[in-house]
N, C-alpha and C. Protein backbone atom coordinates (compact mmCIF):
# COMPACT_ATOMS: atom_id res chain seq x y z
N MET A 1 0.85 -1.17 0.00
CA MET A 1 0.00 0.00 0.00
C MET A 1 0.89 1.23 0.00
N GLU A 2 0.40 2.23 -0.68
CA GLU A 2 1.11 3.51 -0.73
C GLU A 2 0.10 4.61 -0.40
N TYR A 3 0.33 5.32 0.70
CA TYR A 3 -0.59 6.36 1.16
C TYR A 3 -0.16 7.72 0.65
N SER A 4 -1.11 8.49 0.14
CA SER A 4 -0.83 9.88 -0.21
C SER A 4 -0.60 10.66 1.08
N ALA A 5 -0.06 11.85 0.97
CA ALA A 5 0.14 12.69 2.15
C ALA A 5 -1.21 12.98 2.82
N GLN A 6 -2.24 13.21 2.02
CA GLN A 6 -3.58 13.47 2.55
C GLN A 6 -4.10 12.27 3.33
N ALA A 7 -3.97 11.07 2.77
CA ALA A 7 -4.45 9.85 3.42
C ALA A 7 -3.72 9.62 4.75
N SER A 8 -2.42 9.82 4.75
CA SER A 8 -1.64 9.64 5.99
C SER A 8 -2.11 10.60 7.08
N LYS A 9 -2.34 11.85 6.69
CA LYS A 9 -2.80 12.85 7.66
C LYS A 9 -4.20 12.48 8.18
N GLN A 10 -5.07 12.02 7.30
CA GLN A 10 -6.42 11.63 7.72
C GLN A 10 -6.37 10.45 8.69
N LEU A 11 -5.54 9.47 8.40
CA LEU A 11 -5.40 8.32 9.31
C LEU A 11 -4.91 8.77 10.68
N ASP A 12 -3.94 9.66 10.71
CA ASP A 12 -3.44 10.18 11.99
C ASP A 12 -4.55 10.89 12.75
N THR A 13 -5.36 11.67 12.05
CA THR A 13 -6.47 12.40 12.67
C THR A 13 -7.49 11.43 13.26
N TYR A 14 -7.86 10.40 12.52
CA TYR A 14 -8.84 9.41 13.01
C TYR A 14 -8.28 8.65 14.21
N GLU A 15 -7.02 8.31 14.15
CA GLU A 15 -6.38 7.61 15.27
C GLU A 15 -6.40 8.49 16.52
N ALA A 16 -6.06 9.76 16.37
CA ALA A 16 -6.03 10.68 17.51
C ALA A 16 -7.43 10.90 18.09
N ALA A 17 -8.45 10.78 17.23
CA ALA A 17 -9.83 10.97 17.69
C ALA A 17 -10.41 9.71 18.33
N GLY A 18 -9.62 8.64 18.37
CA GLY A 18 -10.08 7.40 19.01
C GLY A 18 -10.74 6.41 18.08
N PHE A 19 -10.59 6.60 16.77
CA PHE A 19 -11.23 5.72 15.81
C PHE A 19 -10.24 4.72 15.19
N GLY A 20 -9.10 4.52 15.83
CA GLY A 20 -8.06 3.66 15.28
C GLY A 20 -8.38 2.18 15.28
N THR A 21 -9.42 1.77 15.96
CA THR A 21 -9.75 0.34 16.00
C THR A 21 -10.98 0.00 15.14
N LEU A 22 -11.49 0.99 14.41
CA LEU A 22 -12.65 0.72 13.54
C LEU A 22 -12.26 -0.24 12.41
N PRO A 23 -13.18 -1.09 11.97
CA PRO A 23 -12.91 -1.95 10.81
C PRO A 23 -12.73 -1.12 9.54
N VAL A 24 -12.14 -1.75 8.54
CA VAL A 24 -11.84 -1.07 7.27
C VAL A 24 -12.64 -1.71 6.15
N CYS A 25 -13.23 -0.88 5.31
CA CYS A 25 -13.93 -1.31 4.10
C CYS A 25 -13.29 -0.55 2.94
N ILE A 26 -12.63 -1.25 2.03
CA ILE A 26 -11.86 -0.59 0.97
C ILE A 26 -12.75 -0.26 -0.23
N ALA A 27 -12.67 1.00 -0.68
CA ALA A 27 -13.39 1.45 -1.87
C ALA A 27 -12.42 1.43 -3.05
N LYS A 28 -12.63 0.46 -3.95
CA LYS A 28 -11.77 0.33 -5.13
C LYS A 28 -12.60 -0.22 -6.27
N THR A 29 -12.01 -0.32 -7.44
CA THR A 29 -12.73 -0.85 -8.59
C THR A 29 -13.16 -2.29 -8.35
N HIS A 30 -14.32 -2.64 -8.85
CA HIS A 30 -14.80 -4.02 -8.77
C HIS A 30 -14.26 -4.88 -9.91
N LEU A 31 -13.53 -4.27 -10.82
CA LEU A 31 -13.06 -4.96 -12.01
C LEU A 31 -11.73 -5.69 -11.81
N SER A 32 -11.09 -5.50 -10.67
CA SER A 32 -9.79 -6.13 -10.41
C SER A 32 -9.56 -6.22 -8.92
N ILE A 33 -8.73 -7.17 -8.50
CA ILE A 33 -8.34 -7.25 -7.09
C ILE A 33 -7.48 -6.04 -6.71
N SER A 34 -6.86 -5.43 -7.71
CA SER A 34 -6.05 -4.23 -7.49
C SER A 34 -6.96 -3.01 -7.61
N SER A 35 -6.36 -1.84 -7.65
CA SER A 35 -7.15 -0.62 -7.87
C SER A 35 -7.18 -0.25 -9.34
N ASP A 36 -6.52 -1.03 -10.18
CA ASP A 36 -6.42 -0.76 -11.61
C ASP A 36 -7.33 -1.72 -12.38
N PRO A 37 -8.40 -1.22 -12.99
CA PRO A 37 -9.33 -2.11 -13.69
C PRO A 37 -8.70 -2.85 -14.86
N ALA A 38 -7.54 -2.40 -15.34
CA ALA A 38 -6.87 -3.07 -16.46
C ALA A 38 -6.10 -4.31 -16.01
N LEU A 39 -5.82 -4.45 -14.71
CA LEU A 39 -5.10 -5.61 -14.19
C LEU A 39 -6.10 -6.71 -13.89
N LYS A 40 -6.27 -7.62 -14.82
CA LYS A 40 -7.27 -8.69 -14.68
C LYS A 40 -6.69 -9.91 -13.97
N GLY A 41 -7.58 -10.79 -13.55
CA GLY A 41 -7.17 -12.05 -12.92
C GLY A 41 -6.60 -11.81 -11.54
N ALA A 42 -5.47 -12.45 -11.26
CA ALA A 42 -4.80 -12.32 -9.96
C ALA A 42 -3.41 -11.73 -10.20
N PRO A 43 -3.35 -10.42 -10.46
CA PRO A 43 -2.06 -9.80 -10.77
C PRO A 43 -1.13 -9.81 -9.57
N THR A 44 0.16 -9.77 -9.84
CA THR A 44 1.17 -9.70 -8.78
C THR A 44 2.04 -8.48 -9.01
N GLY A 45 2.75 -8.07 -7.96
CA GLY A 45 3.70 -6.98 -8.09
C GLY A 45 3.09 -5.60 -8.19
N TRP A 46 1.87 -5.41 -7.73
CA TRP A 46 1.23 -4.11 -7.80
C TRP A 46 1.16 -3.48 -6.41
N THR A 47 1.00 -2.19 -6.38
CA THR A 47 0.88 -1.43 -5.13
C THR A 47 -0.50 -0.80 -5.09
N LEU A 48 -1.15 -0.89 -3.94
CA LEU A 48 -2.48 -0.30 -3.78
C LEU A 48 -2.33 1.16 -3.36
N PRO A 49 -2.68 2.12 -4.24
CA PRO A 49 -2.55 3.53 -3.89
C PRO A 49 -3.77 4.01 -3.10
N VAL A 50 -3.54 4.50 -1.90
CA VAL A 50 -4.61 5.05 -1.08
C VAL A 50 -4.49 6.57 -1.15
N ARG A 51 -5.45 7.20 -1.82
CA ARG A 51 -5.35 8.65 -2.00
C ARG A 51 -6.08 9.44 -0.94
N GLU A 52 -7.05 8.79 -0.28
CA GLU A 52 -7.88 9.48 0.72
C GLU A 52 -8.45 8.43 1.65
N VAL A 53 -8.73 8.81 2.90
CA VAL A 53 -9.38 7.91 3.84
C VAL A 53 -10.54 8.67 4.47
N ARG A 54 -11.72 8.06 4.44
CA ARG A 54 -12.90 8.68 5.04
C ARG A 54 -13.39 7.80 6.19
N ALA A 55 -14.10 8.41 7.11
CA ALA A 55 -14.64 7.68 8.25
C ALA A 55 -16.15 7.78 8.26
N SER A 56 -16.79 6.65 8.42
CA SER A 56 -18.24 6.60 8.65
C SER A 56 -18.39 6.16 10.10
N VAL A 57 -18.18 7.12 10.98
CA VAL A 57 -18.12 6.82 12.41
C VAL A 57 -19.44 6.26 12.92
N GLY A 58 -20.57 6.82 12.48
CA GLY A 58 -21.86 6.31 12.91
C GLY A 58 -22.09 4.88 12.48
N ALA A 59 -21.62 4.54 11.28
CA ALA A 59 -21.76 3.17 10.78
C ALA A 59 -20.67 2.27 11.35
N GLY A 60 -19.59 2.88 11.86
CA GLY A 60 -18.55 2.11 12.53
C GLY A 60 -17.45 1.56 11.65
N PHE A 61 -17.04 2.30 10.61
CA PHE A 61 -15.91 1.84 9.81
C PHE A 61 -15.22 3.02 9.13
N VAL A 62 -13.98 2.78 8.70
CA VAL A 62 -13.25 3.74 7.88
C VAL A 62 -13.11 3.12 6.50
N TYR A 63 -12.99 3.97 5.49
CA TYR A 63 -12.81 3.42 4.15
C TYR A 63 -11.80 4.22 3.34
N PRO A 64 -10.70 3.53 2.97
CA PRO A 64 -9.73 4.16 2.09
C PRO A 64 -10.28 4.22 0.66
N ILE A 65 -9.99 5.30 -0.02
CA ILE A 65 -10.37 5.47 -1.42
C ILE A 65 -9.12 5.18 -2.24
N CYS A 66 -9.19 4.18 -3.09
CA CYS A 66 -8.01 3.72 -3.84
C CYS A 66 -8.13 4.04 -5.32
N GLY A 67 -7.03 4.47 -5.90
CA GLY A 67 -7.00 4.76 -7.33
C GLY A 67 -7.97 5.87 -7.69
N GLU A 68 -8.65 5.69 -8.80
CA GLU A 68 -9.58 6.71 -9.31
C GLU A 68 -11.02 6.47 -8.88
N MET A 69 -11.23 5.66 -7.86
CA MET A 69 -12.57 5.34 -7.36
C MET A 69 -13.31 6.61 -6.95
N ARG A 70 -14.58 6.67 -7.34
CA ARG A 70 -15.46 7.76 -6.91
C ARG A 70 -16.55 7.17 -6.04
N THR A 71 -17.03 7.94 -5.10
CA THR A 71 -18.10 7.46 -4.23
C THR A 71 -19.37 8.27 -4.47
N LYS A 72 -20.48 7.67 -4.11
CA LYS A 72 -21.76 8.36 -4.23
C LYS A 72 -22.11 8.97 -2.88
N PRO A 73 -22.85 10.07 -2.89
CA PRO A 73 -23.24 10.64 -1.61
C PRO A 73 -24.23 9.74 -0.89
N GLY A 74 -24.25 9.83 0.41
CA GLY A 74 -25.19 9.06 1.21
C GLY A 74 -26.57 9.70 1.19
N LEU A 75 -27.49 9.08 1.87
CA LEU A 75 -28.84 9.63 1.96
C LEU A 75 -28.88 10.83 2.89
N SER A 76 -29.82 11.69 2.64
CA SER A 76 -29.99 12.83 3.53
C SER A 76 -30.63 12.37 4.83
N ALA A 77 -30.76 13.27 5.77
CA ALA A 77 -31.38 12.92 7.05
C ALA A 77 -32.84 12.55 6.86
N SER A 78 -33.45 13.05 5.78
CA SER A 78 -34.85 12.75 5.49
C SER A 78 -34.98 12.34 4.02
N PRO A 79 -34.66 11.07 3.68
CA PRO A 79 -34.72 10.66 2.29
C PRO A 79 -36.15 10.67 1.74
N ALA A 80 -36.30 10.98 0.45
CA ALA A 80 -37.61 11.06 -0.19
C ALA A 80 -38.37 9.75 -0.09
N ALA A 81 -37.67 8.63 -0.10
CA ALA A 81 -38.34 7.33 -0.04
C ALA A 81 -39.16 7.17 1.24
N ALA A 82 -38.79 7.87 2.29
CA ALA A 82 -39.52 7.77 3.56
C ALA A 82 -40.91 8.39 3.47
N ARG A 83 -41.13 9.22 2.45
CA ARG A 83 -42.43 9.89 2.29
C ARG A 83 -43.33 9.19 1.27
N ILE A 84 -42.87 8.10 0.68
CA ILE A 84 -43.66 7.37 -0.31
C ILE A 84 -44.45 6.28 0.41
N ASP A 85 -45.72 6.16 0.04
CA ASP A 85 -46.59 5.19 0.71
C ASP A 85 -47.76 4.85 -0.22
N LEU A 86 -48.64 4.01 0.27
CA LEU A 86 -49.89 3.70 -0.42
C LEU A 86 -51.04 4.25 0.40
N ASP A 87 -52.02 4.84 -0.30
CA ASP A 87 -53.20 5.31 0.43
C ASP A 87 -54.19 4.15 0.61
N GLU A 88 -55.36 4.45 1.18
CA GLU A 88 -56.34 3.40 1.48
C GLU A 88 -56.90 2.73 0.23
N HIS A 89 -56.69 3.33 -0.95
CA HIS A 89 -57.17 2.77 -2.22
C HIS A 89 -56.06 2.04 -2.99
N GLY A 90 -54.88 1.93 -2.39
CA GLY A 90 -53.77 1.27 -3.04
C GLY A 90 -53.02 2.14 -4.02
N GLU A 91 -53.28 3.46 -4.01
CA GLU A 91 -52.60 4.39 -4.88
C GLU A 91 -51.30 4.87 -4.23
N ILE A 92 -50.28 5.04 -5.04
CA ILE A 92 -49.00 5.52 -4.53
C ILE A 92 -49.11 7.02 -4.24
N ILE A 93 -48.63 7.42 -3.06
CA ILE A 93 -48.59 8.84 -2.69
C ILE A 93 -47.16 9.21 -2.31
N GLY A 94 -46.84 10.49 -2.41
CA GLY A 94 -45.54 10.98 -1.98
C GLY A 94 -44.47 10.99 -3.04
N LEU A 95 -44.81 10.80 -4.31
CA LEU A 95 -43.82 10.83 -5.37
C LEU A 95 -43.54 12.22 -5.89
N SER A 96 -44.43 13.17 -5.66
CA SER A 96 -44.19 14.50 -6.20
C SER A 96 -43.74 15.46 -5.14
């Protein structure tokens, strides 16, 4: 593994805040065991580049971002799906 300066600083910050024992969930491409989608099969001799580390403290884990991986935003505090329901006639309500 090779940590960017940003990732190293983030890890130090999480450790100092008491989150050093949280489990790790790695965010990388699903196309390869490495972070490079072009490396197929079981490649050897590669280095996993960690460019950033984020913490989901409420969920109880940290996740390094490897290579060019992008993440999607999480749900808001009040997701729209929570307002969708069926009325007494079986009609969907809350979509607009």
